[in-house]
Each structure stands twice: as structure tokens, then as C-alpha cells.
């Protein structure tokens, strides 16, 4: 087999996997498929500052990054925290506001998104000019498979490309078909951007709306989550979803979900955990009560923001005493 044939086959497998995972794949018959985009929890730990600051560490740094601070001395933790504070202070006025802290917490929680964008950026910025054009993305992603008008797997790559182009144009704010890194991030992760939410809703409706009437009826709603697969008895969760559709999803009781009802379903207005945590951190650290933090105020309360060998050792002593 030629090397180009192997590349084509690998690309087809990748695109098939990507599409099946994101759009068309059904879960196992008894498992629920969830299309709702929720804000992730800041930590899986209990938020109890009287016990420890583990929740705050996870929220401020992200769970994986928080672990690295537990190996540092207090002096090392303070030094690294000081460098982070300089990054958080976006306007460089010497203060960290609630909004700046909230933005940082959201960044820390979604660091994996930016890491994913970095990986994909390298594979698509073919001329290395710091931008990704639609042509670059199309050639890198679809170039080989589109040379074959009749792929063996029968998958419609051209349809996927049309859908990607539409999303790319939506992400590309200035309409020049060339994406900055921020626009490319919006293209790859549209659910993270307010101006991309309409395309998330449109793509979801296209996936579920099998009769293409522009609405999602009850059977299409259930059919997207659950395949009967010859079984006549539905699991309890399917019956519950039928009730949810009738009582809550279909707000105007016309037997189907329109665009706005679908948006309310898949993009709910969640409680803003990042803002709540930002306000909590400011309240606990703001010594002069001016509503914003200096680097000194943050570093003075370093054990609230980050861990260290000292806090880790202290918690170990508490656990030992409790034991």
C-alpha cells in the first residue's frame, strides 16, 4: 500500500471518529446521550474553608496544576503565585478585580481547550504566518479525502466540509476567511463563545431533526438519545425524558421544539461558579476592603490561593489527628 493511501485511510478514520463522536453516534441502547453544555464544576472537593482550601486551589489553578504546588516550599509557592498575579492583572494597573479573577478562573478551568487549540494550530497553520485561513484548514483536513469522489466507507466528507466552512465563517468575525487564534478557538469550541451559540443550536437541530422540518419533535428528541434496538420496553430514564420534553422542553406546548426552545435545552443559563469563587477570594483577601486586590494582598493570603508543602503537611497532620 502506498504511503498516500495510508494517509488517506488515516484521515478518513480520524474524520469518521470525530464526526461520530460529536454529531451522529448514538449511545448504547440503555445509556443516556447528553447534548446539554454545562459549565464544569470548579472542583470535585467540598468547599469548606474551615477544613482546608483544597476547593479554592482547584478553582484558582485547575486541579492538575494545583497538585504541582503541593510539592513547593511556601517561598516557592509565593514566588510562582506572584508571577500568576501579573498575568491576571490584564490592564496592568497593579490591581486584580473580581472580573479579572473570574476570567482567570475560567481560563484555568478550561486550560485543556487552549492546549487542544495549540495542538491543532500547529497542524493547520501551514505557512506559519500566525493565522489559519479556511483554505489551510480545508487542505489540511479534507485535502486527501476530497481527491477521491467515491470513498470506500461511503461517508459524506463534502457534507462535513460544508458544515465546517459555515462554522468557520461564523467564527471569523471580520469575514476575511482567515482566523486568528481566538477565532480558531471559537471555531473548534463554539459552545465557549456567546456569538457562536446560534451555530451550536443549528448544528444540533440538524443532527436531530430527521424530517428536516426545522423543529425537533418528541420522537426525534428521544431517538437522538436512545435506540430501541428491537426492545419494546423503555428504560425509566427514557420515560422521564418524555415527560421532560412535554412539561419543560416544549414551552409553548405545540408538540415540538423550535430554535429558542432547543437553545434553552442545550445551552442553559447556569449559575456562574467562577464569579462566585472570584468574589469569595476577593472578600477573604481584601485587607483594605476597596473591592480589589494588590499583589501583596494575594501573596499574603497565598495559602488560600495555592498549596505548598506547608499546607499539605498541615492537612496531613489534621487527617492524622482525626484518624
Protein backbone atom coordinates (compact mmCIF):
# COMPACT_ATOMS: atom_id res chain seq x y z
CA UNK A 1 0.00 0.00 0.00
CA UNK A 2 1.28 3.45 -0.92
CA UNK A 3 2.11 6.00 1.77
CA UNK A 4 -0.52 8.39 0.36
CA UNK A 5 -3.15 5.64 0.60
CA UNK A 6 -2.26 5.15 4.26
CA UNK A 7 -2.57 8.88 4.89
CA UNK A 8 -5.97 8.94 3.19
CA UNK A 9 -7.13 5.96 5.23
CA UNK A 10 -5.90 7.53 8.47
CA UNK A 11 -7.65 10.81 7.64
CA UNK A 12 -10.88 9.01 6.88
CA UNK A 13 -10.70 7.12 10.15
CA UNK A 14 -10.00 10.35 12.03
CA UNK A 15 -12.86 12.24 10.39
CA UNK A 16 -15.24 9.35 10.87
CA UNK A 17 -14.33 9.15 14.55
CA UNK A 18 -14.62 12.91 15.01
CA UNK A 19 -17.99 13.11 13.35
CA UNK A 20 -19.41 10.05 15.01
CA UNK A 21 -18.28 11.26 18.41
CA UNK A 22 -19.67 14.77 18.02
CA UNK A 23 -22.70 14.51 15.85
CA UNK A 24 -24.08 11.21 14.72
CA UNK A 25 -23.17 8.49 17.19
CA UNK A 26 -25.83 7.01 19.42
CA UNK A 27 -25.04 5.77 22.88
CA UNK A 28 -25.57 2.21 23.95
CA UNK A 29 -29.32 1.46 23.96
CA UNK A 30 -29.68 1.72 27.75
CA UNK A 31 -27.37 4.73 28.21
CA UNK A 32 -28.44 8.34 28.03
CA UNK A 33 -26.78 10.59 25.45
CA UNK A 34 -26.38 14.13 26.74
CA UNK A 35 -26.24 17.15 24.42
CA UNK A 36 -26.50 19.75 27.18
CA UNK A 37 -23.46 22.01 27.60
CA UNK A 38 -22.97 22.67 31.33
CA UNK A 39 -20.26 24.79 32.92
CA UNK A 40 -17.88 22.30 34.58
CA UNK A 41 -17.58 22.23 38.36
CA UNK A 42 -14.56 24.12 39.65
CA UNK A 43 -13.56 21.19 41.86
CA UNK A 44 -14.85 17.82 42.98
CA UNK A 45 -13.82 18.67 46.54
CA UNK A 46 -16.10 20.06 49.24
CA UNK A 47 -15.86 23.86 49.63
CA UNK A 48 -15.19 24.18 53.35
CA UNK A 49 -12.51 26.73 54.17
CA UNK A 50 -12.75 25.86 57.86
CA UNK A 51 -11.33 22.45 56.95
CA UNK A 52 -8.92 23.28 54.12
CA UNK A 53 -8.53 25.37 50.99
CA UNK A 54 -8.39 22.48 48.51
CA UNK A 55 -11.50 23.65 46.64
CA UNK A 56 -10.07 27.15 46.25
CA UNK A 57 -6.74 25.77 44.99
CA UNK A 58 -8.51 23.67 42.33
CA UNK A 59 -10.73 26.60 41.33
CA UNK A 60 -7.86 29.09 41.06
CA UNK A 61 -5.33 26.84 39.32
CA UNK A 62 -7.20 23.87 37.88
CA UNK A 63 -6.98 20.50 39.62
CA UNK A 64 -3.85 19.24 37.84
CA UNK A 65 -1.88 22.46 38.24
CA UNK A 66 -2.91 22.70 41.90
CA UNK A 67 -1.16 19.40 42.62
CA UNK A 68 2.18 20.80 41.47
CA UNK A 69 2.12 23.50 44.17
CA UNK A 70 1.84 20.91 46.94
CA UNK A 71 5.45 19.94 46.24
CA UNK A 72 6.80 23.50 46.66
CA UNK A 73 8.08 25.29 49.71
CA UNK A 74 6.00 28.27 50.90
CA UNK A 75 8.60 30.62 49.43
CA UNK A 76 8.46 28.87 46.05
CA UNK A 77 4.65 28.91 46.11
CA UNK A 78 4.61 32.65 46.84
CA UNK A 79 7.06 33.33 44.02
CA UNK A 80 5.03 31.39 41.46
CA UNK A 81 1.80 32.95 42.71
CA UNK A 82 3.30 36.42 42.25
CA UNK A 83 4.04 35.62 38.61
CA UNK A 84 0.46 34.39 38.10
CA UNK A 85 -0.93 37.59 39.61
CA UNK A 86 0.95 39.59 36.98
CA UNK A 87 -0.85 37.58 34.30
CA UNK A 88 -4.26 38.03 35.93
CA UNK A 89 -3.90 41.82 36.05
CA UNK A 90 -4.98 42.34 32.45
CA UNK A 91 -4.87 46.12 32.33
CA UNK A 92 -1.59 46.27 34.31
CA UNK A 93 -2.92 48.84 36.78
CA UNK A 94 -1.50 46.99 39.78
CA UNK A 95 -4.87 45.65 40.96
CA UNK A 96 -6.80 42.43 40.42
CA UNK A 97 -10.56 42.98 40.13
CA UNK A 98 -13.35 40.44 40.54
CA UNK A 99 -13.82 40.37 36.74
CA UNK A 100 -10.11 39.76 36.10
CA UNK A 101 -10.09 37.00 38.70
CA UNK A 102 -13.24 35.46 37.20
CA UNK A 103 -11.67 35.46 33.73
CA UNK A 104 -8.55 33.80 35.12
CA UNK A 105 -10.54 31.08 36.91
CA UNK A 106 -12.44 30.32 33.70
CA UNK A 107 -9.14 30.14 31.82
CA UNK A 108 -7.63 27.82 34.44
CA UNK A 109 -10.67 25.53 34.33
CA UNK A 110 -10.61 25.34 30.53
CA UNK A 111 -6.88 25.13 30.02
CA UNK A 112 -7.40 21.84 28.16
CA UNK A 113 -9.29 23.74 25.46
CA UNK A 114 -6.35 26.07 24.81
CA UNK A 115 -3.95 23.12 24.82
CA UNK A 116 -6.15 21.40 22.22
CA UNK A 117 -6.15 24.56 20.09
CA UNK A 118 -2.35 24.78 20.30
CA UNK A 119 -2.01 21.20 19.06
CA UNK A 120 -4.40 21.74 16.17
CA UNK A 121 -2.92 25.15 15.33
CA UNK A 122 0.44 23.60 14.53
CA UNK A 123 -1.16 21.21 12.07
CA UNK A 124 -3.23 23.83 10.27
CA UNK A 125 -1.11 26.99 10.11
CA UNK A 126 0.69 25.56 7.10
CA UNK A 127 2.56 28.73 6.08
CA UNK A 128 3.37 29.58 9.72
CA UNK A 129 2.15 33.18 9.45
CA UNK A 130 0.35 33.09 12.79
CA UNK A 131 -3.06 32.76 11.13
CA UNK A 132 -5.17 29.88 9.80
CA UNK A 133 -7.13 30.52 6.61
CA UNK A 134 -10.11 28.45 5.53
CA UNK A 135 -8.04 27.13 2.62
CA UNK A 136 -5.31 25.97 5.00
CA UNK A 137 -7.82 24.24 7.25
CA UNK A 138 -9.67 22.66 4.32
CA UNK A 139 -6.48 21.39 2.70
CA UNK A 140 -5.03 20.03 5.94
CA UNK A 141 -8.29 18.37 7.00
CA UNK A 142 -10.00 17.33 3.77
CA UNK A 143 -7.37 17.60 1.03
CA UNK A 144 -6.67 13.91 0.52
CA UNK A 145 -10.17 12.55 1.05
CA UNK A 146 -11.73 15.03 -1.39
CA UNK A 147 -9.44 13.79 -4.14
CA UNK A 148 -11.44 10.55 -4.03
CA UNK A 149 -15.02 11.30 -5.17
CA UNK A 150 -16.27 7.86 -4.08
CA UNK A 151 -14.64 6.82 -0.78
CA UNK A 152 -14.94 3.16 0.18
CA UNK A 153 -16.54 3.92 3.53
CA UNK A 154 -19.40 5.80 1.85
CA UNK A 155 -19.09 8.70 4.26
CA UNK A 156 -20.10 12.15 3.04
CA UNK A 157 -16.97 14.21 3.67
CA UNK A 158 -18.16 17.01 1.39
CA UNK A 159 -21.18 17.50 3.62
CA UNK A 160 -18.88 17.68 6.63
CA UNK A 161 -16.72 20.23 4.85
CA UNK A 162 -19.72 22.44 4.02
CA UNK A 163 -20.74 22.35 7.66
CA UNK A 164 -17.20 23.19 8.80
CA UNK A 165 -17.00 26.08 6.33
CA UNK A 166 -20.23 27.55 7.66
CA UNK A 167 -18.92 27.33 11.23
CA UNK A 168 -15.55 28.78 10.20
CA UNK A 169 -17.29 31.79 8.61
CA UNK A 170 -19.30 32.31 11.80
CA UNK A 171 -16.15 32.24 13.95
CA UNK A 172 -14.34 34.59 11.55
CA UNK A 173 -15.62 37.93 12.86
CA UNK A 174 -14.13 40.18 10.17
CA UNK A 175 -15.20 37.92 7.30
CA UNK A 176 -11.79 37.60 5.62
CA UNK A 177 -11.81 33.77 5.85
CA UNK A 178 -8.60 33.96 7.90
CA UNK A 179 -8.78 33.03 11.58
CA UNK A 180 -6.76 34.46 14.41
CA UNK A 181 -6.04 32.05 17.25
CA UNK A 182 -9.05 33.39 19.16
CA UNK A 183 -11.32 32.91 16.13
CA UNK A 184 -9.86 29.44 15.56
CA UNK A 185 -10.65 28.60 19.20
CA UNK A 186 -14.25 29.74 18.62
CA UNK A 187 -14.39 27.52 15.52
CA UNK A 188 -13.13 24.43 17.36
CA UNK A 189 -15.06 25.05 20.60
CA UNK A 190 -18.11 27.14 19.66
CA UNK A 191 -20.00 26.34 22.85
CA UNK A 192 -17.50 28.51 24.75
CA UNK A 193 -18.40 31.72 22.87
CA UNK A 194 -21.66 33.66 23.08
CA UNK A 195 -21.50 34.76 19.42
CA UNK A 196 -21.17 31.12 18.33
CA UNK A 197 -24.16 29.76 20.24
CA UNK A 198 -26.53 30.05 17.29
CA UNK A 199 -24.33 27.72 15.23
CA UNK A 200 -24.23 25.20 18.11
CA UNK A 201 -28.02 25.23 18.16
CA UNK A 202 -28.27 25.00 14.36
CA UNK A 203 -25.88 22.03 14.16
CA UNK A 204 -27.68 20.25 16.98
CA UNK A 205 -31.05 20.72 15.33
CA UNK A 206 -29.71 19.46 12.01
CA UNK A 207 -28.41 16.33 13.73
CA UNK A 208 -31.69 15.54 15.47
CA UNK A 209 -34.30 16.88 13.02
CA UNK A 210 -34.60 13.81 10.81
CA UNK A 211 -37.59 15.01 8.78
CA UNK A 212 -35.91 18.39 8.15
CA UNK A 213 -38.96 20.46 9.06
CA UNK A 214 -36.90 22.87 11.18
CA UNK A 215 -38.18 21.54 14.51
CA UNK A 216 -37.43 18.71 16.95
CA UNK A 217 -40.48 16.63 17.81
CA UNK A 218 -40.77 14.19 20.69
CA UNK A 219 -39.77 11.08 18.75
CA UNK A 220 -36.75 12.84 17.22
CA UNK A 221 -35.76 14.06 20.69
CA UNK A 222 -35.95 10.56 22.15
CA UNK A 223 -34.48 8.92 19.04
CA UNK A 224 -31.32 11.01 19.38
CA UNK A 225 -30.78 9.77 22.93
CA UNK A 226 -31.99 6.21 22.73
CA UNK A 227 -32.20 3.40 20.20
CA UNK A 228 -34.92 0.84 20.82
CA UNK A 229 -32.79 -1.76 19.07
CA UNK A 230 -35.74 -4.17 18.94
CA UNK A 231 -36.68 -3.68 22.60
CA UNK A 232 -40.27 -2.70 23.33
CA UNK A 233 -39.68 -1.79 26.98
CA UNK A 234 -38.06 1.58 27.51
CA UNK A 235 -35.76 2.26 30.47
CA UNK A 236 -37.16 4.53 33.18
CA UNK A 237 -34.87 7.40 32.18
CA UNK A 238 -36.41 7.41 28.68
CA UNK A 239 -39.89 7.71 30.15
CA UNK A 240 -38.61 10.55 32.32
CA UNK A 241 -37.18 12.30 29.24
CA UNK A 242 -40.56 12.03 27.50
CA UNK A 243 -42.12 13.79 30.48
CA UNK A 244 -39.32 16.40 30.47
CA UNK A 245 -39.98 17.14 26.80
CA UNK A 246 -43.71 17.63 27.31
CA UNK A 247 -43.51 19.56 30.59
CA UNK A 248 -40.33 21.61 30.24
CA UNK A 249 -38.62 21.47 26.82
CA UNK A 250 -41.68 22.24 24.68
CA UNK A 251 -42.52 25.53 26.39
CA UNK A 252 -45.32 26.61 24.06
CA UNK A 253 -46.91 23.14 24.05
CA UNK A 254 -47.02 22.78 20.26
CA UNK A 255 -45.50 19.29 20.31
CA UNK A 256 -42.05 20.30 19.05
CA UNK A 257 -39.00 22.36 19.96
CA UNK A 258 -38.10 25.41 17.91
CA UNK A 259 -34.70 27.15 17.84
CA UNK A 260 -35.18 29.09 21.08
CA UNK A 261 -36.52 26.08 22.97
CA UNK A 262 -33.60 23.99 21.73
CA UNK A 263 -31.17 26.71 22.84
CA UNK A 264 -32.71 26.77 26.33
CA UNK A 265 -32.26 23.00 26.46
CA UNK A 266 -28.66 22.57 25.29
CA UNK A 267 -27.23 25.91 26.50
CA UNK A 268 -28.87 26.53 29.87
CA UNK A 269 -28.06 29.64 31.90
CA UNK A 270 -26.02 28.00 34.64
CA UNK A 271 -25.06 29.51 37.98
CA UNK A 272 -21.73 31.30 37.49
CA UNK A 273 -19.41 29.35 39.81
CA UNK A 274 -16.35 31.24 38.58
CA UNK A 275 -17.81 34.62 39.54
CA UNK A 276 -18.91 33.31 42.93
CA UNK A 277 -15.42 31.97 43.63
CA UNK A 278 -13.79 35.21 42.43
CA UNK A 279 -15.95 37.23 44.83
CA UNK A 280 -15.13 34.82 47.64
CA UNK A 281 -11.37 35.09 47.05
CA UNK A 282 -11.54 38.89 46.93
CA UNK A 283 -13.65 39.07 50.09
CA UNK A 284 -11.24 36.83 52.01
CA UNK A 285 -8.07 38.63 50.84
CA UNK A 286 -9.08 42.28 50.52
CA UNK A 287 -7.41 43.76 53.61
CA UNK A 288 -8.38 47.40 52.99
CA UNK A 289 -11.86 46.50 51.67
CA UNK A 290 -11.57 48.53 48.45
CA UNK A 291 -13.10 45.74 46.36
CA UNK A 292 -9.89 44.79 44.53
CA UNK A 293 -6.63 43.06 45.34
CA UNK A 294 -2.99 44.07 45.16
CA UNK A 295 -0.27 41.51 44.54
CA UNK A 296 0.75 41.91 48.19
CA UNK A 297 -2.76 41.14 49.45
CA UNK A 298 -2.91 37.99 47.33
CA UNK A 299 0.55 36.75 48.28
CA UNK A 300 -0.16 37.46 51.98
CA UNK A 301 -3.08 35.01 51.69
CA UNK A 302 -1.14 32.63 49.44
CA UNK A 303 -2.41 29.54 51.27
CA UNK A 304 -5.98 30.43 50.18
CA UNK A 305 -4.99 30.59 46.52
CA UNK A 306 -2.34 27.86 46.22
CA UNK A 307 -0.93 24.95 48.18
CA UNK A 308 2.59 24.23 49.36
CA UNK A 309 4.49 21.64 51.34
CA UNK A 310 3.46 23.50 54.48
CA UNK A 311 -0.29 23.41 53.78
CA UNK A 312 -0.06 19.85 52.52
CA UNK A 313 1.82 18.83 55.66
CA UNK A 314 -0.65 20.72 57.85
CA UNK A 315 -3.59 18.93 56.26
CA UNK A 316 -1.79 15.62 56.73
CA UNK A 317 -1.47 16.41 60.46
CA UNK A 318 -5.17 17.23 60.67
CA UNK A 319 -6.07 13.97 58.95
CA UNK A 320 -3.70 12.09 61.27
CA UNK A 321 -5.26 13.67 64.36
CA UNK A 322 -8.76 12.85 63.10
CA UNK A 323 -7.68 9.27 62.42
